[in-house]
């Protein structure tokens, strides 16, 4: 087993998650991009607090990082991180 540096995650699918990139030196692991992860944290916090919408959040991510994320992808990330049982899109 390869000991990857701190912050690296195992590659679980063909899709590279937002905030990570493939690192050829550590096969099977993804290298974190701290700047992107910081922006993702700021955006997800603002979405969770309902300060901004998902649409504004994905636009913010793209403007700051030049990488895209779908509204549904951001919603799933926010729900996962904050373990919100009800969907952000529910109209209850």
N, C-alpha and C. Protein backbone atom coordinates (compact mmCIF):
# COMPACT_ATOMS: atom_id res chain seq x y z
N UNK A 1 0.85 -1.20 0.00
CA UNK A 1 0.00 0.00 0.00
C UNK A 1 0.88 1.25 0.00
N UNK A 2 0.51 2.19 -0.80
CA UNK A 2 1.25 3.42 -0.94
C UNK A 2 0.81 4.41 0.14
N UNK A 3 1.75 5.06 0.77
CA UNK A 3 1.40 6.09 1.76
C UNK A 3 1.32 7.43 1.05
N UNK A 4 0.12 7.88 0.82
CA UNK A 4 -0.10 9.15 0.14
C UNK A 4 0.04 10.28 1.17
N UNK A 5 0.47 11.45 0.71
CA UNK A 5 0.57 12.60 1.61
C UNK A 5 -0.78 12.99 2.21
N UNK A 6 -0.73 13.77 3.25
CA UNK A 6 -1.94 14.23 3.94
C UNK A 6 -2.85 15.00 2.99
N UNK A 7 -4.15 14.74 3.10
CA UNK A 7 -5.13 15.43 2.28
C UNK A 7 -5.50 14.68 1.02
N UNK A 8 -4.68 13.76 0.60
CA UNK A 8 -4.99 12.98 -0.59
C UNK A 8 -6.16 12.04 -0.28
N UNK A 9 -6.98 11.78 -1.30
CA UNK A 9 -8.08 10.83 -1.13
C UNK A 9 -7.95 9.75 -2.20
N UNK A 10 -8.53 8.60 -1.90
CA UNK A 10 -8.52 7.50 -2.87
C UNK A 10 -9.47 7.80 -4.01
N UNK A 11 -9.02 7.46 -5.20
CA UNK A 11 -9.87 7.63 -6.38
C UNK A 11 -10.86 6.47 -6.40
N UNK A 12 -12.15 6.80 -6.36
CA UNK A 12 -13.19 5.77 -6.28
C UNK A 12 -13.95 5.58 -7.58
N UNK A 13 -13.86 6.54 -8.48
CA UNK A 13 -14.58 6.43 -9.76
C UNK A 13 -13.80 7.18 -10.83
N UNK A 14 -14.36 7.20 -12.02
CA UNK A 14 -13.68 7.90 -13.12
C UNK A 14 -13.83 9.41 -13.00
N UNK A 15 -14.79 9.86 -12.20
CA UNK A 15 -15.02 11.29 -12.00
C UNK A 15 -14.09 11.83 -10.92
N UNK A 16 -13.43 12.93 -11.23
CA UNK A 16 -12.55 13.58 -10.26
C UNK A 16 -13.38 14.63 -9.52
N UNK A 17 -13.52 14.50 -8.19
CA UNK A 17 -14.34 15.45 -7.43
C UNK A 17 -13.79 16.88 -7.49
N UNK A 18 -14.69 17.82 -7.31
CA UNK A 18 -14.30 19.23 -7.28
C UNK A 18 -13.28 19.44 -6.17
N UNK A 19 -12.21 20.16 -6.46
CA UNK A 19 -11.19 20.46 -5.46
C UNK A 19 -10.03 19.46 -5.46
N UNK A 20 -10.05 18.52 -6.39
CA UNK A 20 -8.99 17.51 -6.47
C UNK A 20 -8.52 17.36 -7.91
N UNK A 21 -7.31 16.82 -8.07
CA UNK A 21 -6.79 16.53 -9.40
C UNK A 21 -6.00 15.22 -9.34
N UNK A 22 -5.83 14.62 -10.49
CA UNK A 22 -5.08 13.36 -10.57
C UNK A 22 -3.60 13.66 -10.34
N UNK A 23 -2.96 12.84 -9.55
CA UNK A 23 -1.53 12.97 -9.29
C UNK A 23 -0.85 11.70 -9.81
N UNK A 24 -0.05 11.85 -10.85
CA UNK A 24 0.60 10.70 -11.48
C UNK A 24 1.59 10.00 -10.55
N UNK A 25 2.13 10.72 -9.59
CA UNK A 25 3.10 10.13 -8.67
C UNK A 25 2.46 9.13 -7.72
N UNK A 26 1.24 9.37 -7.33
CA UNK A 26 0.52 8.50 -6.40
C UNK A 26 -0.69 7.91 -7.13
N UNK A 27 -0.47 6.82 -7.83
CA UNK A 27 -1.53 6.16 -8.60
C UNK A 27 -2.67 5.73 -7.67
N UNK A 28 -3.89 6.00 -8.10
CA UNK A 28 -5.06 5.62 -7.31
C UNK A 28 -5.45 6.64 -6.26
N UNK A 29 -4.74 7.76 -6.22
CA UNK A 29 -5.05 8.82 -5.25
C UNK A 29 -5.25 10.15 -5.98
N UNK A 30 -6.01 11.03 -5.36
CA UNK A 30 -6.26 12.35 -5.90
C UNK A 30 -5.64 13.41 -4.99
N UNK A 31 -4.99 14.35 -5.62
CA UNK A 31 -4.29 15.43 -4.91
C UNK A 31 -5.25 16.59 -4.65
N UNK A 32 -5.30 17.08 -3.41
CA UNK A 32 -6.19 18.22 -3.11
C UNK A 32 -5.66 19.52 -3.71
N UNK A 33 -6.58 20.39 -4.08
CA UNK A 33 -6.24 21.73 -4.55
C UNK A 33 -6.78 22.68 -3.48
N UNK A 34 -5.93 23.12 -2.55
CA UNK A 34 -6.40 23.90 -1.39
C UNK A 34 -7.24 25.12 -1.74
N UNK A 35 -6.88 25.85 -2.80
CA UNK A 35 -7.63 27.05 -3.16
C UNK A 35 -9.06 26.69 -3.55
N UNK A 36 -9.23 25.63 -4.34
CA UNK A 36 -10.56 25.22 -4.75
C UNK A 36 -11.38 24.70 -3.58
N UNK A 37 -10.75 23.95 -2.69
CA UNK A 37 -11.46 23.43 -1.53
C UNK A 37 -11.90 24.56 -0.60
N UNK A 38 -11.09 25.61 -0.50
CA UNK A 38 -11.45 26.76 0.33
C UNK A 38 -12.68 27.47 -0.23
N UNK A 39 -12.69 27.70 -1.55
CA UNK A 39 -13.84 28.35 -2.19
C UNK A 39 -15.07 27.47 -2.05
N UNK A 40 -14.92 26.15 -2.24
CA UNK A 40 -16.04 25.23 -2.10
C UNK A 40 -16.61 25.28 -0.69
N UNK A 41 -15.74 25.39 0.30
CA UNK A 41 -16.20 25.49 1.69
C UNK A 41 -17.00 26.78 1.91
N UNK A 42 -16.48 27.90 1.40
CA UNK A 42 -17.18 29.18 1.55
C UNK A 42 -18.55 29.14 0.88
N UNK A 43 -18.60 28.60 -0.34
CA UNK A 43 -19.85 28.53 -1.09
C UNK A 43 -20.84 27.61 -0.40
N UNK A 44 -20.38 26.43 0.02
CA UNK A 44 -21.30 25.47 0.64
C UNK A 44 -21.85 26.00 1.97
N UNK A 45 -21.04 26.73 2.71
CA UNK A 45 -21.50 27.35 3.95
C UNK A 45 -22.59 28.38 3.67
N UNK A 46 -22.36 29.21 2.64
CA UNK A 46 -23.35 30.23 2.28
C UNK A 46 -24.65 29.60 1.79
N UNK A 47 -24.55 28.51 1.03
CA UNK A 47 -25.76 27.82 0.55
C UNK A 47 -26.49 27.20 1.74
N UNK A 48 -25.75 26.56 2.63
CA UNK A 48 -26.37 25.93 3.79
C UNK A 48 -27.11 26.95 4.66
N UNK A 49 -26.54 28.12 4.82
CA UNK A 49 -27.17 29.18 5.62
C UNK A 49 -28.27 29.90 4.84
N UNK A 50 -28.48 29.48 3.60
CA UNK A 50 -29.46 30.07 2.70
C UNK A 50 -29.20 31.54 2.43
N UNK A 51 -27.92 31.90 2.42
CA UNK A 51 -27.51 33.26 2.09
C UNK A 51 -27.46 33.44 0.57
N UNK A 52 -27.20 32.34 -0.14
CA UNK A 52 -27.17 32.36 -1.61
C UNK A 52 -27.89 31.12 -2.12
N UNK A 53 -28.29 31.18 -3.38
CA UNK A 53 -28.96 30.04 -4.01
C UNK A 53 -27.91 29.09 -4.60
N UNK A 54 -28.36 27.92 -5.00
CA UNK A 54 -27.46 26.97 -5.65
C UNK A 54 -26.91 27.55 -6.95
N UNK A 55 -27.75 28.27 -7.69
CA UNK A 55 -27.32 28.87 -8.94
C UNK A 55 -26.21 29.89 -8.74
N UNK A 56 -26.38 30.74 -7.75
CA UNK A 56 -25.34 31.72 -7.42
C UNK A 56 -24.08 31.00 -6.96
N UNK A 57 -24.26 29.92 -6.20
CA UNK A 57 -23.12 29.16 -5.70
C UNK A 57 -22.29 28.56 -6.81
N UNK A 58 -22.93 27.94 -7.81
CA UNK A 58 -22.15 27.34 -8.90
C UNK A 58 -21.49 28.42 -9.75
N UNK A 59 -22.14 29.56 -9.91
CA UNK A 59 -21.52 30.67 -10.64
C UNK A 59 -20.30 31.19 -9.88
N UNK A 60 -20.39 31.30 -8.57
CA UNK A 60 -19.29 31.75 -7.72
C UNK A 60 -18.11 30.78 -7.86
N UNK A 61 -18.40 29.48 -7.79
CA UNK A 61 -17.34 28.47 -7.92
C UNK A 61 -16.62 28.61 -9.25
N UNK A 62 -17.38 28.76 -10.32
CA UNK A 62 -16.77 28.86 -11.65
C UNK A 62 -15.96 30.14 -11.79
N UNK A 63 -16.47 31.25 -11.26
CA UNK A 63 -15.76 32.52 -11.35
C UNK A 63 -14.44 32.49 -10.59
N UNK A 64 -14.42 31.83 -9.44
CA UNK A 64 -13.22 31.81 -8.60
C UNK A 64 -12.20 30.74 -8.99
N UNK A 65 -12.68 29.62 -9.57
CA UNK A 65 -11.78 28.49 -9.81
C UNK A 65 -11.64 28.08 -11.27
N UNK A 66 -12.51 28.58 -12.13
CA UNK A 66 -12.57 28.19 -13.55
C UNK A 66 -12.96 26.72 -13.72
N UNK A 67 -13.49 26.10 -12.68
CA UNK A 67 -14.02 24.74 -12.77
C UNK A 67 -15.52 24.81 -12.53
N UNK A 68 -16.24 23.90 -13.17
CA UNK A 68 -17.68 23.93 -13.06
C UNK A 68 -18.18 22.83 -12.14
N UNK A 69 -19.36 23.07 -11.60
CA UNK A 69 -20.07 22.08 -10.79
C UNK A 69 -21.55 22.32 -11.07
N UNK A 70 -22.30 21.26 -11.18
CA UNK A 70 -23.73 21.41 -11.43
C UNK A 70 -24.44 21.83 -10.15
N UNK A 71 -25.63 22.38 -10.30
CA UNK A 71 -26.43 22.74 -9.12
C UNK A 71 -26.71 21.51 -8.28
N UNK A 72 -27.05 20.40 -8.94
CA UNK A 72 -27.34 19.17 -8.22
C UNK A 72 -26.09 18.64 -7.52
N UNK A 73 -24.94 18.78 -8.16
CA UNK A 73 -23.68 18.37 -7.53
C UNK A 73 -23.40 19.18 -6.27
N UNK A 74 -23.62 20.49 -6.34
CA UNK A 74 -23.43 21.35 -5.17
C UNK A 74 -24.44 21.01 -4.08
N UNK A 75 -25.68 20.76 -4.48
CA UNK A 75 -26.72 20.39 -3.51
C UNK A 75 -26.34 19.11 -2.79
N UNK A 76 -25.90 18.11 -3.53
CA UNK A 76 -25.51 16.83 -2.92
C UNK A 76 -24.33 17.03 -1.98
N UNK A 77 -23.38 17.88 -2.37
CA UNK A 77 -22.22 18.14 -1.51
C UNK A 77 -22.66 18.82 -0.21
N UNK A 78 -23.50 19.83 -0.32
CA UNK A 78 -23.97 20.55 0.88
C UNK A 78 -24.76 19.60 1.78
N UNK A 79 -25.66 18.82 1.20
CA UNK A 79 -26.44 17.87 2.00
C UNK A 79 -25.55 16.86 2.70
N UNK A 80 -24.52 16.40 2.01
CA UNK A 80 -23.60 15.41 2.59
C UNK A 80 -22.78 16.02 3.73
N UNK A 81 -22.23 17.19 3.49
CA UNK A 81 -21.37 17.84 4.49
C UNK A 81 -22.17 18.23 5.73
N UNK A 82 -23.34 18.77 5.54
CA UNK A 82 -24.14 19.24 6.67
C UNK A 82 -25.19 18.23 7.11
N UNK A 83 -25.17 17.04 6.48
CA UNK A 83 -26.07 15.94 6.85
C UNK A 83 -27.51 16.40 6.99
N UNK A 84 -27.93 17.19 6.04
CA UNK A 84 -29.29 17.73 6.07
C UNK A 84 -30.25 16.65 5.58
N UNK A 85 -31.18 16.21 6.42
CA UNK A 85 -32.08 15.13 6.03
C UNK A 85 -33.06 15.52 4.94
N UNK A 86 -33.49 16.77 4.91
CA UNK A 86 -34.44 17.22 3.89
C UNK A 86 -33.68 17.91 2.77
N UNK A 87 -34.13 17.72 1.59
CA UNK A 87 -33.49 18.30 0.41
C UNK A 87 -33.61 19.82 0.42
N UNK A 88 -32.62 20.50 -0.14
CA UNK A 88 -32.68 21.95 -0.27
C UNK A 88 -33.77 22.36 -1.26
N UNK A 89 -34.15 21.42 -2.13
CA UNK A 89 -35.14 21.75 -3.15
C UNK A 89 -36.57 21.44 -2.68
N UNK A 90 -36.72 20.83 -1.50
CA UNK A 90 -38.05 20.55 -0.97
C UNK A 90 -38.77 21.86 -0.67
N UNK A 91 -40.05 21.88 -0.94
CA UNK A 91 -40.84 23.09 -0.69
C UNK A 91 -41.77 22.86 0.47
N UNK A 92 -41.19 22.49 1.61
CA UNK A 92 -42.03 22.20 2.79
C UNK A 92 -42.09 23.37 3.73
